[in-house]
Amino acid sequence: MYISRELLEKVIREAGAIALGYFNDLKNLEVTKKSSRDLVTEADVAVEAFLQETLSREYPQYGFWGEESGQSENQANRWIVDPIDGTHSFTKGQYFWSISVALEIAGEIVFGAVYVPTVDDYYCAEKGMGAWKNGMPIKVSGEQNLGDSMVATGFACLRNYLEDNNLQRFCRIAQKTTGQRRFGSAAMDICMVADGQVDAFWEQELNLYDVAAGALIAMEAGATVTDFKGNPGIFPKQILVTNGKLLEQILPLM
């Protein structure tokens, strides 16, 4: 495998500039619904189209899986893309949304990048090489006590139809922690664990394109990535990301 981190950063930052163009003109943004609560905007479509065209041109050996356009023919080795993770936040003019790009080779995530254009934070990681934010190495927090920790979670737009809708889990964990945050972009949330801004994050009923890039970045920064039973791996339907020191304390509450 050969990829250029410099080229990919340039491409992903260009995608961010496209997204910001729409974000700065929200009054004219076209918004539709994929379901009763799941939004898609012309910005999502434009960013994904740019990434698919550019990545396919630069790396034709890899397939493409995007949230909006679906899967190309070659899925053995593929780019996994969420063009705007946090679309609802985007449409409300909030800063909490990101662009997520991961590369999967033979079932293993080997590269991940998450870009938050509104604050110009670019996170990336290459498997076995570490994780960076804006070119500087990052690592998880040193917090060892769940009672002193800050945690983040999310409530997926479709989860209200499920019996397990995360509310009871949130209440249990909120009572045991000092701070709780709900930003609205799982990819960004996971990177905040990697960067030590948040000590743990969990969510459920997500898709691989929501978490693939962030999970690699977090693991390369020293995080544990498991399901709600502590099994290591990237499980979009039950993902728990911690600084490692809090894993055994938070698992009984999951």
Protein backbone atom coordinates (compact mmCIF):
# COMPACT_ATOMS: atom_id res chain seq x y z
CA MET A 1 0.00 0.00 0.00
CA TYR A 2 1.21 3.46 -0.80
CA ILE A 3 -0.67 6.65 -0.05
CA SER A 4 0.48 10.21 0.35
CA ARG A 5 -0.70 11.75 3.62
CA GLU A 6 0.17 15.16 2.22
CA LEU A 7 -1.97 14.64 -0.88
CA LEU A 8 -4.86 13.29 1.16
CA GLU A 9 -4.77 16.23 3.53
CA LYS A 10 -4.88 18.61 0.56
CA VAL A 11 -7.86 16.77 -0.93
CA ILE A 12 -9.78 16.57 2.35
CA ARG A 13 -9.14 20.23 3.13
CA GLU A 14 -10.46 21.08 -0.34
CA ALA A 15 -13.57 19.06 0.47
CA GLY A 16 -13.85 21.10 3.66
CA ALA A 17 -13.71 24.32 1.67
CA ILE A 18 -16.60 23.08 -0.48
CA ALA A 19 -18.61 22.27 2.64
CA LEU A 20 -17.86 25.68 4.16
CA GLY A 21 -19.14 27.36 1.01
CA TYR A 22 -22.55 25.83 1.65
CA PHE A 23 -22.30 26.35 5.42
CA ASN A 24 -21.77 30.06 4.94
CA ASP A 25 -24.93 30.33 2.84
CA LEU A 26 -27.38 28.22 4.81
CA LYS A 27 -30.39 30.33 3.86
CA ASN A 28 -30.07 28.94 0.33
CA LEU A 29 -29.14 25.39 1.32
CA GLU A 30 -31.31 22.64 -0.16
CA VAL A 31 -32.24 20.13 2.56
CA THR A 32 -34.20 16.91 2.04
CA LYS A 33 -34.99 13.89 4.20
CA LYS A 34 -33.89 10.30 3.70
CA SER A 35 -36.38 9.37 6.42
CA SER A 36 -38.50 11.22 8.97
CA ARG A 37 -35.44 12.42 10.92
CA ASP A 38 -32.46 11.66 8.71
CA LEU A 39 -31.39 14.74 6.74
CA VAL A 40 -29.32 15.08 3.60
CA THR A 41 -28.25 18.34 2.02
CA GLU A 42 -26.81 19.37 -1.32
CA ALA A 43 -23.57 19.97 0.60
CA ASP A 44 -23.38 16.28 1.59
CA VAL A 45 -23.84 15.26 -2.03
CA ALA A 46 -21.35 17.80 -3.41
CA VAL A 47 -18.61 16.96 -0.89
CA GLU A 48 -19.00 13.23 -1.45
CA ALA A 49 -18.99 13.63 -5.24
CA PHE A 50 -15.76 15.63 -5.03
CA LEU A 51 -14.10 13.06 -2.77
CA GLN A 52 -15.22 10.12 -4.88
CA GLU A 53 -14.03 11.70 -8.12
CA THR A 54 -10.70 12.85 -6.69
CA LEU A 55 -9.84 9.74 -4.69
CA SER A 56 -10.83 7.46 -7.57
CA ARG A 57 -8.61 9.43 -9.93
CA GLU A 58 -5.60 9.47 -7.58
CA TYR A 59 -6.03 5.89 -6.33
CA PRO A 60 -7.99 3.92 -8.95
CA GLN A 61 -7.04 0.62 -7.28
CA TYR A 62 -9.40 1.32 -4.37
CA GLY A 63 -13.18 1.17 -4.34
CA PHE A 64 -15.45 3.71 -2.70
CA TRP A 65 -18.21 3.55 -0.09
CA GLY A 66 -19.93 6.82 0.65
CA GLU A 67 -22.90 7.48 2.89
CA GLU A 68 -24.86 9.16 0.11
CA SER A 69 -23.79 7.31 -3.05
CA GLY A 70 -23.39 3.80 -1.63
CA GLN A 71 -20.78 1.23 -2.65
CA SER A 72 -18.82 0.97 -5.87
CA GLU A 73 -18.02 -2.38 -7.49
CA ASN A 74 -14.62 -2.91 -5.84
CA GLN A 75 -15.16 -3.26 -2.09
CA ALA A 76 -12.21 -5.51 -1.19
CA ASN A 77 -10.03 -2.42 -0.70
CA ARG A 78 -11.96 0.80 -0.37
CA TRP A 79 -12.30 4.37 0.79
CA ILE A 80 -15.02 4.76 3.43
CA VAL A 81 -16.43 8.28 3.49
CA ASP A 82 -18.93 10.30 5.46
CA PRO A 83 -19.01 13.64 3.63
CA ILE A 84 -20.63 15.54 6.49
CA ASP A 85 -20.91 13.74 9.80
CA GLY A 86 -23.31 15.87 11.81
CA THR A 87 -25.63 17.06 9.07
CA HIS A 88 -28.27 18.28 11.53
CA SER A 89 -25.68 20.46 13.30
CA PHE A 90 -24.55 21.69 9.87
CA THR A 91 -28.06 22.78 8.87
CA LYS A 92 -28.49 24.67 12.17
CA GLY A 93 -25.30 26.66 11.69
CA GLN A 94 -23.48 24.90 14.53
CA TYR A 95 -19.76 24.15 14.37
CA PHE A 96 -20.00 20.46 15.35
CA TRP A 97 -19.70 18.59 12.06
CA SER A 98 -16.83 16.93 10.26
CA ILE A 99 -15.63 15.15 7.13
CA SER A 100 -14.51 11.56 7.68
CA VAL A 101 -12.33 9.56 5.27
CA ALA A 102 -10.89 6.10 5.97
CA LEU A 103 -9.02 3.57 3.85
CA GLU A 104 -9.75 -0.11 4.42
CA ILE A 105 -7.44 -2.77 3.01
CA ALA A 106 -8.54 -6.42 3.26
CA GLY A 107 -10.90 -5.66 6.13
CA GLU A 108 -8.45 -3.53 8.13
CA ILE A 109 -8.58 0.25 8.52
CA VAL A 110 -5.08 1.48 7.64
CA PHE A 111 -5.63 5.24 7.25
CA GLY A 112 -8.10 7.66 8.73
CA ALA A 113 -8.67 11.41 8.57
CA VAL A 114 -11.32 13.57 10.20
CA TYR A 115 -11.49 17.26 9.34
CA VAL A 116 -13.53 19.84 11.27
CA PRO A 117 -13.61 22.77 8.84
CA THR A 118 -15.28 25.29 11.16
CA VAL A 119 -12.28 25.25 13.52
CA ASP A 120 -9.73 24.04 10.95
CA ASP A 121 -8.76 20.95 12.96
CA TYR A 122 -7.37 18.11 10.85
CA TYR A 123 -6.90 14.75 12.56
CA CYS A 124 -5.24 11.81 10.85
CA ALA A 125 -3.59 8.49 11.54
CA GLU A 126 -1.85 5.72 9.68
CA LYS A 127 -1.87 2.26 11.19
CA GLY A 128 1.22 1.70 13.30
CA MET A 129 2.47 5.24 12.71
CA GLY A 130 0.64 7.26 15.38
CA ALA A 131 -2.02 9.97 15.28
CA TRP A 132 -1.78 13.69 14.63
CA LYS A 133 -3.83 16.87 14.91
CA ASN A 134 -2.73 19.67 12.61
CA GLY A 135 0.62 17.96 12.21
CA MET A 136 1.31 17.49 15.91
CA PRO A 137 1.25 14.08 17.67
CA ILE A 138 -1.73 13.51 19.96
CA LYS A 139 -2.55 11.07 22.73
CA VAL A 140 -5.46 10.23 25.01
CA SER A 141 -5.95 11.81 28.42
CA GLY A 142 -4.40 10.49 31.61
CA GLU A 143 -7.66 10.59 33.58
CA GLN A 144 -7.91 7.52 35.83
CA ASN A 145 -11.11 8.21 37.79
CA LEU A 146 -14.49 7.93 36.09
CA GLY A 147 -15.95 10.29 38.67
CA ASP A 148 -13.65 13.06 37.46
CA SER A 149 -14.07 12.35 33.78
CA MET A 150 -15.82 14.05 30.90
CA VAL A 151 -17.69 11.75 28.54
CA ALA A 152 -19.53 12.20 25.26
CA THR A 153 -22.30 10.30 23.53
CA GLY A 154 -24.86 10.66 20.78
CA PHE A 155 -28.45 9.82 19.99
CA ALA A 156 -28.75 8.68 16.39
CA CYS A 157 -31.67 10.16 14.52
CA LEU A 158 -33.39 6.78 14.10
CA ARG A 159 -32.85 5.42 17.59
CA ASN A 160 -36.17 6.64 18.99
CA TYR A 161 -37.77 3.58 17.37
CA LEU A 162 -35.61 1.19 19.40
CA GLU A 163 -36.38 -0.15 22.85
CA ASP A 164 -32.72 0.46 23.79
CA ASN A 165 -32.52 4.13 22.84
CA ASN A 166 -29.44 5.08 24.96
CA LEU A 167 -31.40 7.20 27.46
CA GLN A 168 -31.11 4.79 30.39
CA ARG A 169 -27.44 4.16 29.62
CA PHE A 170 -26.81 7.90 29.47
CA CYS A 171 -28.52 8.45 32.82
CA ARG A 172 -26.42 5.74 34.52
CA ILE A 173 -23.17 7.15 33.19
CA ALA A 174 -24.10 10.80 33.74
CA GLN A 175 -24.59 10.10 37.45
CA LYS A 176 -21.07 8.69 37.68
CA THR A 177 -19.17 11.36 35.72
CA THR A 178 -18.41 15.04 36.13
CA GLY A 179 -19.15 16.27 32.61
CA GLN A 180 -21.26 15.04 29.72
CA ARG A 181 -21.25 16.33 26.17
CA ARG A 182 -23.36 15.65 23.10
CA PHE A 183 -21.81 17.37 20.09
CA GLY A 184 -23.57 15.60 17.20
CA SER A 185 -20.68 14.20 15.16
CA ALA A 186 -19.42 10.76 16.16
CA ALA A 187 -16.29 11.13 14.04
CA MET A 188 -15.40 14.37 15.81
CA ASP A 189 -16.30 12.96 19.23
CA ILE A 190 -13.93 10.02 18.80
CA CYS A 191 -11.13 12.34 17.74
CA MET A 192 -11.71 14.38 20.88
CA VAL A 193 -11.02 11.22 22.91
CA ALA A 194 -7.85 10.73 20.86
CA ASP A 195 -6.82 14.31 21.62
CA GLY A 196 -7.56 14.09 25.35
CA GLN A 197 -10.39 16.64 25.23
CA VAL A 198 -12.90 13.95 26.25
CA ASP A 199 -12.09 10.85 28.31
CA ALA A 200 -14.63 8.43 26.82
CA PHE A 201 -17.29 8.24 24.11
CA TRP A 202 -19.98 5.72 23.28
CA GLU A 203 -22.80 5.45 20.79
CA GLN A 204 -24.87 2.79 19.10
CA GLU A 205 -26.65 2.07 15.82
CA LEU A 206 -24.07 3.89 13.74
CA ASN A 207 -22.50 2.87 10.43
CA LEU A 208 -18.90 2.10 9.57
CA TYR A 209 -18.51 5.38 7.68
CA ASP A 210 -19.37 7.25 10.91
CA VAL A 211 -16.57 5.70 12.97
CA ALA A 212 -13.90 4.05 10.80
CA ALA A 213 -11.52 7.00 10.52
CA GLY A 214 -12.01 8.23 14.06
CA ALA A 215 -11.53 4.76 15.54
CA LEU A 216 -8.13 4.35 13.91
CA ILE A 217 -7.08 7.83 15.02
CA ALA A 218 -8.16 7.02 18.58
CA MET A 219 -6.38 3.67 18.68
CA GLU A 220 -3.19 5.20 17.32
CA ALA A 221 -3.45 7.82 20.09
CA GLY A 222 -3.65 5.10 22.76
CA ALA A 223 -7.40 4.64 23.11
CA THR A 224 -9.30 1.40 23.57
CA VAL A 225 -12.05 0.79 21.00
CA THR A 226 -14.50 -1.94 21.97
CA ASP A 227 -18.14 -2.93 21.97
CA PHE A 228 -20.28 -2.52 25.10
CA LYS A 229 -18.93 -5.83 26.50
CA GLY A 230 -15.30 -4.84 26.11
CA ASN A 231 -14.53 -6.90 23.01
CA PRO A 232 -11.84 -5.06 21.03
CA GLY A 233 -12.67 -3.95 17.51
CA ILE A 234 -14.63 -1.39 15.52
CA PHE A 235 -18.31 -2.13 16.12
CA PRO A 236 -20.50 0.66 14.71
CA LYS A 237 -23.64 -0.76 16.32
CA GLN A 238 -22.03 -0.59 19.79
CA ILE A 239 -18.87 1.49 19.96
CA LEU A 240 -17.11 2.47 23.17
CA VAL A 241 -13.93 4.54 22.98
CA THR A 242 -11.99 5.29 26.17
CA ASN A 243 -8.57 6.51 27.21
CA GLY A 244 -7.91 2.93 28.35
CA LYS A 245 -7.71 3.78 32.03
CA LEU A 246 -11.48 4.16 32.34
CA LEU A 247 -12.54 1.09 30.37
CA GLU A 248 -13.08 -1.26 33.31
CA GLN A 249 -14.91 1.45 35.26
CA ILE A 250 -17.38 2.33 32.51
CA LEU A 251 -18.10 -1.17 31.17
CA PRO A 252 -20.43 -2.16 34.08
CA LEU A 253 -22.58 0.88 33.25
CA MET A 254 -22.98 -0.02 29.58
